[in-house]
Full PDB file with SEQRES, HELIX, SHEET, SSBOND, CRYST1, ORIGX, SCALE, CONECT and MASTER records, all heavy atoms in Angstrom:
SEQRES   1 A   38  PRO LEU TYR LEU LEU THR ASN ARG LYS CYS ALA ALA ALA          
SEQRES   2 A   38  ILE HIS LEU TYR GLU LYS LEU GLY PHE HIS HIS ASP ALA          
SEQRES   3 A   38  GLY ILE MET ALA ASP TYR GLY ALA ARG TYR GLU ARG              
HELIX    1 AA1 ALA A   11  LYS A   19  1                                   9    
HELIX    2 AA2 ALA A   26  TYR A   32  1                                   7    
HELIX    3 AA3 GLY A   33  ARG A   35  5                                   3    
CRYST1    1.000    1.000    1.000  90.00  90.00  90.00 P 1           1          
ORIGX1      1.000000  0.000000  0.000000        0.00000                         
ORIGX2      0.000000  1.000000  0.000000        0.00000                         
ORIGX3      0.000000  0.000000  1.000000        0.00000                         
SCALE1      1.000000  0.000000  0.000000        0.00000                         
SCALE2      0.000000  1.000000  0.000000        0.00000                         
SCALE3      0.000000  0.000000  1.000000        0.00000                         
ATOM      1  N   PRO A   1      48.037 104.390  30.385  1.00  0.00           N  
ATOM      2  CA  PRO A   1      47.327 105.638  30.147  1.00  0.00           C  
ATOM      3  C   PRO A   1      47.550 106.162  28.729  1.00  0.00           C  
ATOM      4  O   PRO A   1      48.539 105.830  28.092  1.00  0.00           O  
ATOM      5  CB  PRO A   1      47.991 106.591  31.151  1.00  0.00           C  
ATOM      6  CG  PRO A   1      49.421 106.123  31.190  1.00  0.00           C  
ATOM      7  CD  PRO A   1      49.325 104.610  31.075  1.00  0.00           C  
ATOM      8  N   LEU A   2      46.607 106.989  28.283  1.00  0.00           N  
ATOM      9  CA  LEU A   2      46.814 107.836  27.112  1.00  0.00           C  
ATOM     10  C   LEU A   2      47.174 109.191  27.693  1.00  0.00           C  
ATOM     11  O   LEU A   2      46.435 109.733  28.511  1.00  0.00           O  
ATOM     12  CB  LEU A   2      45.549 107.940  26.264  1.00  0.00           C  
ATOM     13  CG  LEU A   2      45.593 108.989  25.129  1.00  0.00           C  
ATOM     14  CD1 LEU A   2      46.701 108.678  24.134  1.00  0.00           C  
ATOM     15  CD2 LEU A   2      44.248 109.083  24.429  1.00  0.00           C  
ATOM     16  N   TYR A   3      48.337 109.698  27.324  1.00  0.00           N  
ATOM     17  CA  TYR A   3      48.811 110.945  27.916  1.00  0.00           C  
ATOM     18  C   TYR A   3      49.483 111.807  26.870  1.00  0.00           C  
ATOM     19  O   TYR A   3      49.761 111.368  25.754  1.00  0.00           O  
ATOM     20  CB  TYR A   3      49.769 110.651  29.081  1.00  0.00           C  
ATOM     21  CG  TYR A   3      51.080 110.056  28.634  1.00  0.00           C  
ATOM     22  CD1 TYR A   3      52.191 110.868  28.399  1.00  0.00           C  
ATOM     23  CD2 TYR A   3      51.217 108.691  28.424  1.00  0.00           C  
ATOM     24  CE1 TYR A   3      53.396 110.330  27.977  1.00  0.00           C  
ATOM     25  CE2 TYR A   3      52.421 108.142  28.006  1.00  0.00           C  
ATOM     26  CZ  TYR A   3      53.502 108.965  27.775  1.00  0.00           C  
ATOM     27  OH  TYR A   3      54.695 108.439  27.346  1.00  0.00           O  
ATOM     28  N   LEU A   4      49.736 113.050  27.248  1.00  0.00           N  
ATOM     29  CA  LEU A   4      50.475 113.951  26.378  1.00  0.00           C  
ATOM     30  C   LEU A   4      51.349 114.866  27.223  1.00  0.00           C  
ATOM     31  O   LEU A   4      51.090 115.074  28.408  1.00  0.00           O  
ATOM     32  CB  LEU A   4      49.526 114.757  25.486  1.00  0.00           C  
ATOM     33  CG  LEU A   4      48.524 115.671  26.172  1.00  0.00           C  
ATOM     34  CD1 LEU A   4      49.122 117.050  26.454  1.00  0.00           C  
ATOM     35  CD2 LEU A   4      47.289 115.821  25.310  1.00  0.00           C  
ATOM     36  N   LEU A   5      52.372 115.364  26.586  1.00  0.00           N  
ATOM     37  CA  LEU A   5      53.325 116.291  27.207  1.00  0.00           C  
ATOM     38  C   LEU A   5      53.352 117.540  26.347  1.00  0.00           C  
ATOM     39  O   LEU A   5      53.454 117.452  25.129  1.00  0.00           O  
ATOM     40  CB  LEU A   5      54.721 115.656  27.258  1.00  0.00           C  
ATOM     41  CG  LEU A   5      54.798 114.287  27.941  1.00  0.00           C  
ATOM     42  CD1 LEU A   5      56.168 113.668  27.728  1.00  0.00           C  
ATOM     43  CD2 LEU A   5      54.480 114.402  29.424  1.00  0.00           C  
ATOM     44  N   THR A   6      53.269 118.695  26.980  1.00  0.00           N  
ATOM     45  CA  THR A   6      53.261 119.931  26.199  1.00  0.00           C  
ATOM     46  C   THR A   6      53.879 121.057  27.020  1.00  0.00           C  
ATOM     47  O   THR A   6      54.550 120.809  28.020  1.00  0.00           O  
ATOM     48  CB  THR A   6      51.831 120.257  25.689  1.00  0.00           C  
ATOM     49  OG1 THR A   6      51.895 121.341  24.769  1.00  0.00           O  
ATOM     50  CG2 THR A   6      50.876 120.565  26.821  1.00  0.00           C  
ATOM     51  N   ASN A   7      53.661 122.265  26.573  1.00  0.00           N  
ATOM     52  CA  ASN A   7      54.217 123.439  27.238  1.00  0.00           C  
ATOM     53  C   ASN A   7      53.100 124.466  27.389  1.00  0.00           C  
ATOM     54  O   ASN A   7      52.261 124.611  26.510  1.00  0.00           O  
ATOM     55  CB  ASN A   7      55.351 124.015  26.372  1.00  0.00           C  
ATOM     56  CG  ASN A   7      56.033 125.193  27.033  1.00  0.00           C  
ATOM     57  OD1 ASN A   7      55.489 126.293  27.066  1.00  0.00           O  
ATOM     58  ND2 ASN A   7      57.226 124.970  27.547  1.00  0.00           N  
ATOM     59  N   ARG A   8      53.124 125.187  28.495  1.00  0.00           N  
ATOM     60  CA  ARG A   8      52.037 126.140  28.763  1.00  0.00           C  
ATOM     61  C   ARG A   8      51.932 127.235  27.706  1.00  0.00           C  
ATOM     62  O   ARG A   8      50.900 127.876  27.587  1.00  0.00           O  
ATOM     63  CB  ARG A   8      52.165 126.725  30.168  1.00  0.00           C  
ATOM     64  CG  ARG A   8      53.396 127.554  30.413  1.00  0.00           C  
ATOM     65  CD  ARG A   8      53.402 128.105  31.856  1.00  0.00           C  
ATOM     66  NE  ARG A   8      54.713 128.601  32.191  1.00  0.00           N  
ATOM     67  CZ  ARG A   8      55.625 127.919  32.887  1.00  0.00           C  
ATOM     68  NH1 ARG A   8      55.346 126.725  33.346  1.00  0.00           N  
ATOM     69  NH2 ARG A   8      56.803 128.444  33.133  1.00  0.00           N  
ATOM     70  N   LYS A   9      52.987 127.446  26.892  1.00  0.00           N  
ATOM     71  CA  LYS A   9      52.899 128.401  25.778  1.00  0.00           C  
ATOM     72  C   LYS A   9      51.851 127.972  24.757  1.00  0.00           C  
ATOM     73  O   LYS A   9      51.354 128.787  23.996  1.00  0.00           O  
ATOM     74  CB  LYS A   9      54.249 128.487  25.034  1.00  0.00           C  
ATOM     75  CG  LYS A   9      55.299 129.342  25.676  1.00  0.00           C  
ATOM     76  CD  LYS A   9      56.403 129.537  24.645  1.00  0.00           C  
ATOM     77  CE  LYS A   9      57.733 129.908  25.244  1.00  0.00           C  
ATOM     78  NZ  LYS A   9      58.781 129.962  24.220  1.00  0.00           N  
ATOM     79  N   CYS A  10      51.536 126.680  24.728  1.00  0.00           N  
ATOM     80  CA  CYS A  10      50.581 126.129  23.765  1.00  0.00           C  
ATOM     81  C   CYS A  10      49.170 126.199  24.333  1.00  0.00           C  
ATOM     82  O   CYS A  10      48.447 125.211  24.411  1.00  0.00           O  
ATOM     83  CB  CYS A  10      50.958 124.689  23.434  1.00  0.00           C  
ATOM     84  SG  CYS A  10      52.618 124.487  22.787  1.00  0.00           S  
ATOM     85  N   ALA A  11      48.751 127.401  24.724  1.00  0.00           N  
ATOM     86  CA  ALA A  11      47.489 127.586  25.438  1.00  0.00           C  
ATOM     87  C   ALA A  11      46.283 127.110  24.636  1.00  0.00           C  
ATOM     88  O   ALA A  11      45.376 126.481  25.185  1.00  0.00           O  
ATOM     89  CB  ALA A  11      47.327 129.054  25.829  1.00  0.00           C  
ATOM     90  N   ALA A  12      46.236 127.397  23.344  1.00  0.00           N  
ATOM     91  CA  ALA A  12      45.093 126.984  22.530  1.00  0.00           C  
ATOM     92  C   ALA A  12      45.007 125.460  22.476  1.00  0.00           C  
ATOM     93  O   ALA A  12      43.915 124.889  22.580  1.00  0.00           O  
ATOM     94  CB  ALA A  12      45.192 127.570  21.126  1.00  0.00           C  
ATOM     95  N   ALA A  13      46.148 124.803  22.334  1.00  0.00           N  
ATOM     96  CA  ALA A  13      46.161 123.337  22.297  1.00  0.00           C  
ATOM     97  C   ALA A  13      45.726 122.763  23.642  1.00  0.00           C  
ATOM     98  O   ALA A  13      44.923 121.829  23.692  1.00  0.00           O  
ATOM     99  CB  ALA A  13      47.554 122.831  21.928  1.00  0.00           C  
ATOM    100  N   ILE A  14      46.221 123.325  24.731  1.00  0.00           N  
ATOM    101  CA  ILE A  14      45.851 122.842  26.065  1.00  0.00           C  
ATOM    102  C   ILE A  14      44.342 122.967  26.271  1.00  0.00           C  
ATOM    103  O   ILE A  14      43.692 122.051  26.776  1.00  0.00           O  
ATOM    104  CB  ILE A  14      46.653 123.577  27.160  1.00  0.00           C  
ATOM    105  CG1 ILE A  14      48.121 123.161  27.078  1.00  0.00           C  
ATOM    106  CG2 ILE A  14      46.077 123.293  28.545  1.00  0.00           C  
ATOM    107  CD1 ILE A  14      49.069 124.010  27.905  1.00  0.00           C  
ATOM    108  N   HIS A  15      43.778 124.091  25.833  1.00  0.00           N  
ATOM    109  CA  HIS A  15      42.326 124.277  25.942  1.00  0.00           C  
ATOM    110  C   HIS A  15      41.592 123.177  25.165  1.00  0.00           C  
ATOM    111  O   HIS A  15      40.597 122.618  25.649  1.00  0.00           O  
ATOM    112  CB  HIS A  15      41.941 125.667  25.425  1.00  0.00           C  
ATOM    113  CG  HIS A  15      40.469 125.898  25.420  1.00  0.00           C  
ATOM    114  ND1 HIS A  15      39.738 126.113  26.576  1.00  0.00           N  
ATOM    115  CD2 HIS A  15      39.579 125.916  24.403  1.00  0.00           C  
ATOM    116  CE1 HIS A  15      38.458 126.256  26.258  1.00  0.00           C  
ATOM    117  NE2 HIS A  15      38.345 126.151  24.950  1.00  0.00           N  
ATOM    118  N   LEU A  16      42.070 122.869  23.967  1.00  0.00           N  
ATOM    119  CA  LEU A  16      41.458 121.818  23.156  1.00  0.00           C  
ATOM    120  C   LEU A  16      41.577 120.464  23.853  1.00  0.00           C  
ATOM    121  O   LEU A  16      40.605 119.700  23.907  1.00  0.00           O  
ATOM    122  CB  LEU A  16      42.105 121.772  21.773  1.00  0.00           C  
ATOM    123  CG  LEU A  16      41.593 120.693  20.817  1.00  0.00           C  
ATOM    124  CD1 LEU A  16      40.106 120.861  20.544  1.00  0.00           C  
ATOM    125  CD2 LEU A  16      42.381 120.739  19.514  1.00  0.00           C  
ATOM    126  N   TYR A  17      42.750 120.158  24.398  1.00  0.00           N  
ATOM    127  CA  TYR A  17      42.936 118.885  25.106  1.00  0.00           C  
ATOM    128  C   TYR A  17      41.964 118.771  26.281  1.00  0.00           C  
ATOM    129  O   TYR A  17      41.347 117.729  26.491  1.00  0.00           O  
ATOM    130  CB  TYR A  17      44.374 118.739  25.619  1.00  0.00           C  
ATOM    131  CG  TYR A  17      45.433 118.741  24.544  1.00  0.00           C  
ATOM    132  CD1 TYR A  17      46.637 119.403  24.724  1.00  0.00           C  
ATOM    133  CD2 TYR A  17      45.253 118.078  23.325  1.00  0.00           C  
ATOM    134  CE1 TYR A  17      47.627 119.406  23.755  1.00  0.00           C  
ATOM    135  CE2 TYR A  17      46.229 118.077  22.348  1.00  0.00           C  
ATOM    136  CZ  TYR A  17      47.418 118.739  22.566  1.00  0.00           C  
ATOM    137  OH  TYR A  17      48.394 118.747  21.604  1.00  0.00           O  
ATOM    138  N   GLU A  18      41.833 119.860  27.033  1.00  0.00           N  
ATOM    139  CA  GLU A  18      40.907 119.862  28.174  1.00  0.00           C  
ATOM    140  C   GLU A  18      39.470 119.644  27.695  1.00  0.00           C  
ATOM    141  O   GLU A  18      38.713 118.865  28.286  1.00  0.00           O  
ATOM    142  CB  GLU A  18      41.011 121.181  28.942  1.00  0.00           C  
ATOM    143  CG  GLU A  18      42.321 121.337  29.687  1.00  0.00           C  
ATOM    144  CD  GLU A  18      42.568 122.740  30.226  1.00  0.00           C  
ATOM    145  OE1 GLU A  18      41.922 123.711  29.760  1.00  0.00           O  
ATOM    146  OE2 GLU A  18      43.434 122.867  31.111  1.00  0.00           O  
ATOM    147  N   LYS A  19      39.107 120.324  26.613  1.00  0.00           N  
ATOM    148  CA  LYS A  19      37.750 120.232  26.071  1.00  0.00           C  
ATOM    149  C   LYS A  19      37.395 118.787  25.687  1.00  0.00           C  
ATOM    150  O   LYS A  19      36.255 118.354  25.843  1.00  0.00           O  
ATOM    151  CB  LYS A  19      37.644 121.150  24.845  1.00  0.00           C  
ATOM    152  CG  LYS A  19      36.299 121.166  24.163  1.00  0.00           C  
ATOM    153  CD  LYS A  19      36.318 122.143  22.993  1.00  0.00           C  
ATOM    154  CE  LYS A  19      35.019 122.080  22.206  1.00  0.00           C  
ATOM    155  NZ  LYS A  19      35.070 122.971  21.039  1.00  0.00           N  
ATOM    156  N   LEU A  20      38.398 118.036  25.206  1.00  0.00           N  
ATOM    157  CA  LEU A  20      38.142 116.671  24.751  1.00  0.00           C  
ATOM    158  C   LEU A  20      38.474 115.602  25.799  1.00  0.00           C  
ATOM    159  O   LEU A  20      38.501 114.428  25.476  1.00  0.00           O  
ATOM    160  CB  LEU A  20      38.868 116.395  23.431  1.00  0.00           C  
ATOM    161  CG  LEU A  20      37.998 116.781  22.227  1.00  0.00           C  
ATOM    162  CD1 LEU A  20      38.012 118.271  21.976  1.00  0.00           C  
ATOM    163  CD2 LEU A  20      38.411 116.049  20.982  1.00  0.00           C  
ATOM    164  N   GLY A  21      38.720 115.997  27.052  1.00  0.00           N  
ATOM    165  CA  GLY A  21      38.808 114.999  28.117  1.00  0.00           C  
ATOM    166  C   GLY A  21      40.167 114.751  28.745  1.00  0.00           C  
ATOM    167  O   GLY A  21      40.322 113.806  29.518  1.00  0.00           O  
ATOM    168  N   PHE A  22      41.161 115.584  28.441  1.00  0.00           N  
ATOM    169  CA  PHE A  22      42.468 115.440  29.097  1.00  0.00           C  
ATOM    170  C   PHE A  22      42.495 116.286  30.365  1.00  0.00           C  
ATOM    171  O   PHE A  22      41.923 117.372  30.403  1.00  0.00           O  
ATOM    172  CB  PHE A  22      43.601 115.883  28.164  1.00  0.00           C  
ATOM    173  CG  PHE A  22      43.965 114.850  27.133  1.00  0.00           C  
ATOM    174  CD1 PHE A  22      43.296 114.801  25.922  1.00  0.00           C  
ATOM    175  CD2 PHE A  22      44.965 113.927  27.376  1.00  0.00           C  
ATOM    176  CE1 PHE A  22      43.618 113.846  24.966  1.00  0.00           C  
ATOM    177  CE2 PHE A  22      45.303 112.967  26.428  1.00  0.00           C  
ATOM    178  CZ  PHE A  22      44.626 112.929  25.219  1.00  0.00           C  
ATOM    179  N   HIS A  23      43.161 115.765  31.392  1.00  0.00           N  
ATOM    180  CA  HIS A  23      43.286 116.456  32.676  1.00  0.00           C  
ATOM    181  C   HIS A  23      44.762 116.547  33.048  1.00  0.00           C  
ATOM    182  O   HIS A  23      45.522 115.608  32.811  1.00  0.00           O  
ATOM    183  CB  HIS A  23      42.526 115.689  33.766  1.00  0.00           C  
ATOM    184  CG  HIS A  23      41.062 115.617  33.502  1.00  0.00           C  
ATOM    185  ND1 HIS A  23      40.179 116.534  34.001  1.00  0.00           N  
ATOM    186  CD2 HIS A  23      40.324 114.750  32.748  1.00  0.00           C  
ATOM    187  CE1 HIS A  23      38.956 116.227  33.577  1.00  0.00           C  
ATOM    188  NE2 HIS A  23      39.023 115.159  32.813  1.00  0.00           N  
ATOM    189  N   HIS A  24      45.151 117.652  33.675  1.00  0.00           N  
ATOM    190  CA  HIS A  24      46.527 117.831  34.138  1.00  0.00           C  
ATOM    191  C   HIS A  24      46.835 116.747  35.155  1.00  0.00           C  
ATOM    192  O   HIS A  24      45.979 116.394  35.971  1.00  0.00           O  
ATOM    193  CB  HIS A  24      46.697 119.237  34.730  1.00  0.00           C  
ATOM    194  CG  HIS A  24      46.482 120.307  33.697  1.00  0.00           C  
ATOM    195  ND1 HIS A  24      47.514 120.885  33.009  1.00  0.00           N  
ATOM    196  CD2 HIS A  24      45.343 120.851  33.193  1.00  0.00           C  
ATOM    197  CE1 HIS A  24      47.029 121.759  32.144  1.00  0.00           C  
ATOM    198  NE2 HIS A  24      45.705 121.754  32.239  1.00  0.00           N  
ATOM    199  N   ASP A  25      48.050 116.185  35.095  1.00  0.00           N  
ATOM    200  CA  ASP A  25      48.360 115.015  35.900  1.00  0.00           C  
ATOM    201  C   ASP A  25      49.823 115.019  36.350  1.00  0.00           C  
ATOM    202  O   ASP A  25      50.727 114.869  35.536  1.00  0.00           O  
ATOM    203  CB  ASP A  25      48.057 113.764  35.067  1.00  0.00           C  
ATOM    204  CG  ASP A  25      48.069 112.489  35.873  1.00  0.00           C  
ATOM    205  OD1 ASP A  25      49.148 112.107  36.361  1.00  0.00           O  
ATOM    206  OD2 ASP A  25      46.991 111.870  36.005  1.00  0.00           O  
ATOM    207  N   ALA A  26      50.023 115.174  37.651  1.00  0.00           N  
ATOM    208  CA  ALA A  26      51.381 115.216  38.212  1.00  0.00           C  
ATOM    209  C   ALA A  26      52.096 113.874  38.055  1.00  0.00           C  
ATOM    210  O   ALA A  26      53.308 113.824  37.864  1.00  0.00           O  
ATOM    211  CB  ALA A  26      51.329 115.619  39.683  1.00  0.00           C  
ATOM    212  N   GLY A  27      51.348 112.780  38.117  1.00  0.00           N  
ATOM    213  CA  GLY A  27      51.956 111.454  37.952  1.00  0.00           C  
ATOM    214  C   GLY A  27      52.532 111.261  36.563  1.00  0.00           C  
ATOM    215  O   GLY A  27      53.618 110.696  36.401  1.00  0.00           O  
ATOM    216  N   ILE A  28      51.810 111.734  35.556  1.00  0.00           N  
ATOM    217  CA  ILE A  28      52.306 111.653  34.176  1.00  0.00           C  
ATOM    218  C   ILE A  28      53.569 112.502  34.043  1.00  0.00           C  
ATOM    219  O   ILE A  28      54.555 112.081  33.438  1.00  0.00           O  
ATOM    220  CB  ILE A  28      51.220 112.109  33.168  1.00  0.00           C  
ATOM    221  CG1 ILE A  28      50.033 111.134  33.172  1.00  0.00           C  
ATOM    222  CG2 ILE A  28      51.800 112.289  31.774  1.00  0.00           C  
ATOM    223  CD1 ILE A  28      50.332 109.737  32.675  1.00  0.00           C  
ATOM    224  N   MET A  29      53.557 113.694  34.645  1.00  0.00           N  
ATOM    225  CA  MET A  29      54.741 114.550  34.601  1.00  0.00           C  
ATOM    226  C   MET A  29      55.935 113.829  35.228  1.00  0.00           C  
ATOM    227  O   MET A  29      57.028 113.814  34.667  1.00  0.00           O  
ATOM    228  CB  MET A  29      54.469 115.885  35.322  1.00  0.00           C  
ATOM    229  CG  MET A  29      55.666 116.825  35.308  1.00  0.00           C  
ATOM    230  SD  MET A  29      56.160 117.345  33.650  1.00  0.00           S  
ATOM    231  CE  MET A  29      55.066 118.733  33.431  1.00  0.00           C  
ATOM    232  N   ALA A  30      55.712 113.202  36.374  1.00  0.00           N  
ATOM    233  CA  ALA A  30      56.797 112.498  37.075  1.00  0.00           C  
ATOM    234  C   ALA A  30      57.308 111.317  36.250  1.00  0.00           C  
ATOM    235  O   ALA A  30      58.511 111.091  36.159  1.00  0.00           O  
ATOM    236  CB  ALA A  30      56.307 112.029  38.439  1.00  0.00           C  
ATOM    237  N   ASP A  31      56.394 110.584  35.627  1.00  0.00           N  
ATOM    238  CA  ASP A  31      56.777 109.369  34.897  1.00  0.00           C  
ATOM    239  C   ASP A  31      57.388 109.645  33.531  1.00  0.00           C  
ATOM    240  O   ASP A  31      58.272 108.915  33.090  1.00  0.00           O  
ATOM    241  CB  ASP A  31      55.563 108.453  34.703  1.00  0.00           C  
ATOM    242  CG  ASP A  31      55.081 107.834  36.011  1.00  0.00           C  
ATOM    243  OD1 ASP A  31      55.813 107.909  37.021  1.00  0.00           O  
ATOM    244  OD2 ASP A  31      53.955 107.299  36.013  1.00  0.00           O  
ATOM    245  N   TYR A  32      56.891 110.678  32.823  1.00  0.00           N  
ATOM    246  CA  TYR A  32      57.271 110.853  31.422  1.00  0.00           C  
ATOM    247  C   TYR A  32      57.805 112.242  31.062  1.00  0.00           C  
ATOM    248  O   TYR A  32      58.360 112.416  29.980  1.00  0.00           O  
ATOM    249  CB  TYR A  32      56.056 110.583  30.506  1.00  0.00           C  
ATOM    250  CG  TYR A  32      55.445 109.225  30.689  1.00  0.00           C  
ATOM    251  CD1 TYR A  32      54.269 109.060  31.410  1.00  0.00           C  
ATOM    252  CD2 TYR A  32      56.036 108.092  30.129  1.00  0.00           C  
ATOM    253  CE1 TYR A  32      53.681 107.810  31.569  1.00  0.00           C  
ATOM    254  CE2 TYR A  32      55.460 106.842  30.280  1.00  0.00           C  
ATOM    255  CZ  TYR A  32      54.287 106.705  31.009  1.00  0.00           C  
ATOM    256  OH  TYR A  32      53.722 105.465  31.156  1.00  0.00           O  
ATOM    257  N   GLY A  33      57.618 113.230  31.919  1.00  0.00           N  
ATOM    258  CA  GLY A  33      57.896 114.619  31.573  1.00  0.00           C  
ATOM    259  C   GLY A  33      59.325 114.952  31.199  1.00  0.00           C  
ATOM    260  O   GLY A  33      59.571 115.920  30.494  1.00  0.00           O  
ATOM    261  N   ALA A  34      60.270 114.148  31.641  1.00  0.00           N  
ATOM    262  CA  ALA A  34      61.680 114.460  31.369  1.00  0.00           C  
ATOM    263  C   ALA A  34      62.086 114.197  29.915  1.00  0.00           C  
ATOM    264  O   ALA A  34      63.196 114.541  29.525  1.00  0.00           O  
ATOM    265  CB  ALA A  34      62.578 113.652  32.300  1.00  0.00           C  
ATOM    266  N   ARG A  35      61.185 113.633  29.117  1.00  0.00           N  
ATOM    267  CA  ARG A  35      61.536 113.314  27.727  1.00  0.00           C  
ATOM    268  C   ARG A  35      61.856 114.549  26.901  1.00  0.00           C  
ATOM    269  O   ARG A  35      62.605 114.471  25.933  1.00  0.00           O  
ATOM    270  CB  ARG A  35      60.406 112.542  27.052  1.00  0.00           C  
ATOM    271  CG  ARG A  35      60.305 111.119  27.570  1.00  0.00           C  
ATOM    272  CD  ARG A  35      59.313 110.299  26.800  1.00  0.00           C  
ATOM    273  NE  ARG A  35      59.653 110.254  25.380  1.00  0.00           N  
ATOM    274  CZ  ARG A  35      58.783 109.906  24.443  1.00  0.00           C  
ATOM    275  NH1 ARG A  35      57.554 109.617  24.745  1.00  0.00           N  
ATOM    276  NH2 ARG A  35      59.157 109.870  23.180  1.00  0.00           N  
ATOM    277  N   TYR A  36      61.252 115.696  27.258  1.00  0.00           N  
ATOM    278  CA  TYR A  36      61.470 116.916  26.484  1.00  0.00           C  
ATOM    279  C   TYR A  36      61.856 118.044  27.424  1.00  0.00           C  
ATOM    280  O   TYR A  36      61.231 118.228  28.460  1.00  0.00           O  
ATOM    281  CB  TYR A  36      60.179 117.350  25.753  1.00  0.00           C  
ATOM    282  CG  TYR A  36      59.634 116.323  24.813  1.00  0.00           C  
ATOM    283  CD1 TYR A  36      58.628 115.455  25.222  1.00  0.00           C  
ATOM    284  CD2 TYR A  36      60.118 116.204  23.513  1.00  0.00           C  
ATOM    285  CE1 TYR A  36      58.110 114.493  24.362  1.00  0.00           C  
ATOM    286  CE2 TYR A  36      59.602 115.246  22.646  1.00  0.00           C  
ATOM    287  CZ  TYR A  36      58.597 114.395  23.083  1.00  0.00           C  
ATOM    288  OH  TYR A  36      58.091 113.453  22.229  1.00  0.00           O  
ATOM    289  N   GLU A  37      62.855 118.824  27.038  1.00  0.00           N  
ATOM    290  CA  GLU A  37      63.244 119.991  27.834  1.00  0.00           C  
ATOM    291  C   GLU A  37      62.086 120.973  27.960  1.00  0.00           C  
ATOM    292  O   GLU A  37      61.904 121.588  28.999  1.00  0.00           O  
ATOM    293  CB  GLU A  37      64.419 120.717  27.162  1.00  0.00           C  
ATOM    294  CG  GLU A  37      65.763 120.185  27.568  1.00  0.00           C  
ATOM    295  CD  GLU A  37      66.885 120.991  26.941  1.00  0.00           C  
ATOM    296  OE1 GLU A  37      66.845 122.237  26.998  1.00  0.00           O  
ATOM    297  OE2 GLU A  37      67.798 120.361  26.393  1.00  0.00           O  
ATOM    298  N   ARG A  38      61.305 121.132  26.881  1.00  0.00           N  
ATOM    299  CA  ARG A  38      60.255 122.151  26.876  1.00  0.00           C  
ATOM    300  C   ARG A  38      58.999 121.737  27.636  1.00  0.00           C  
ATOM    301  O   ARG A  38      58.079 122.526  27.794  1.00  0.00           O  
ATOM    302  CB  ARG A  38      59.896 122.546  25.445  1.00  0.00           C  
ATOM    303  CG  ARG A  38      59.248 121.426  24.644  1.00  0.00           C  
ATOM    304  CD  ARG A  38      58.885 121.876  23.231  1.00  0.00           C  
ATOM    305  NE  ARG A  38      58.397 120.767  22.439  1.00  0.00           N  
ATOM    306  CZ  ARG A  38      59.144 120.034  21.633  1.00  0.00           C  
ATOM    307  NH1 ARG A  38      60.427 120.302  21.490  1.00  0.00           N  
ATOM    308  NH2 ARG A  38      58.616 119.035  20.959  1.00  0.00           N  
TER     309      ARG A  38                                                      
MASTER        0    0    0    3    0    0    0    6  308    1    0    3          
END                                                                             
C-alpha cells in the first residue's frame, strides 16, 4: 500500500489527503501506526 501516518491536529493536511484519494484505514494503523507517538 501507499499510506501515511498523521495526527488529527493536522486537519488541513488530512482534508488535502482525503481530497486526493486517501482514506482512513484501521489496518494501516494496526500495521504501522506505532512508529510515531503522535
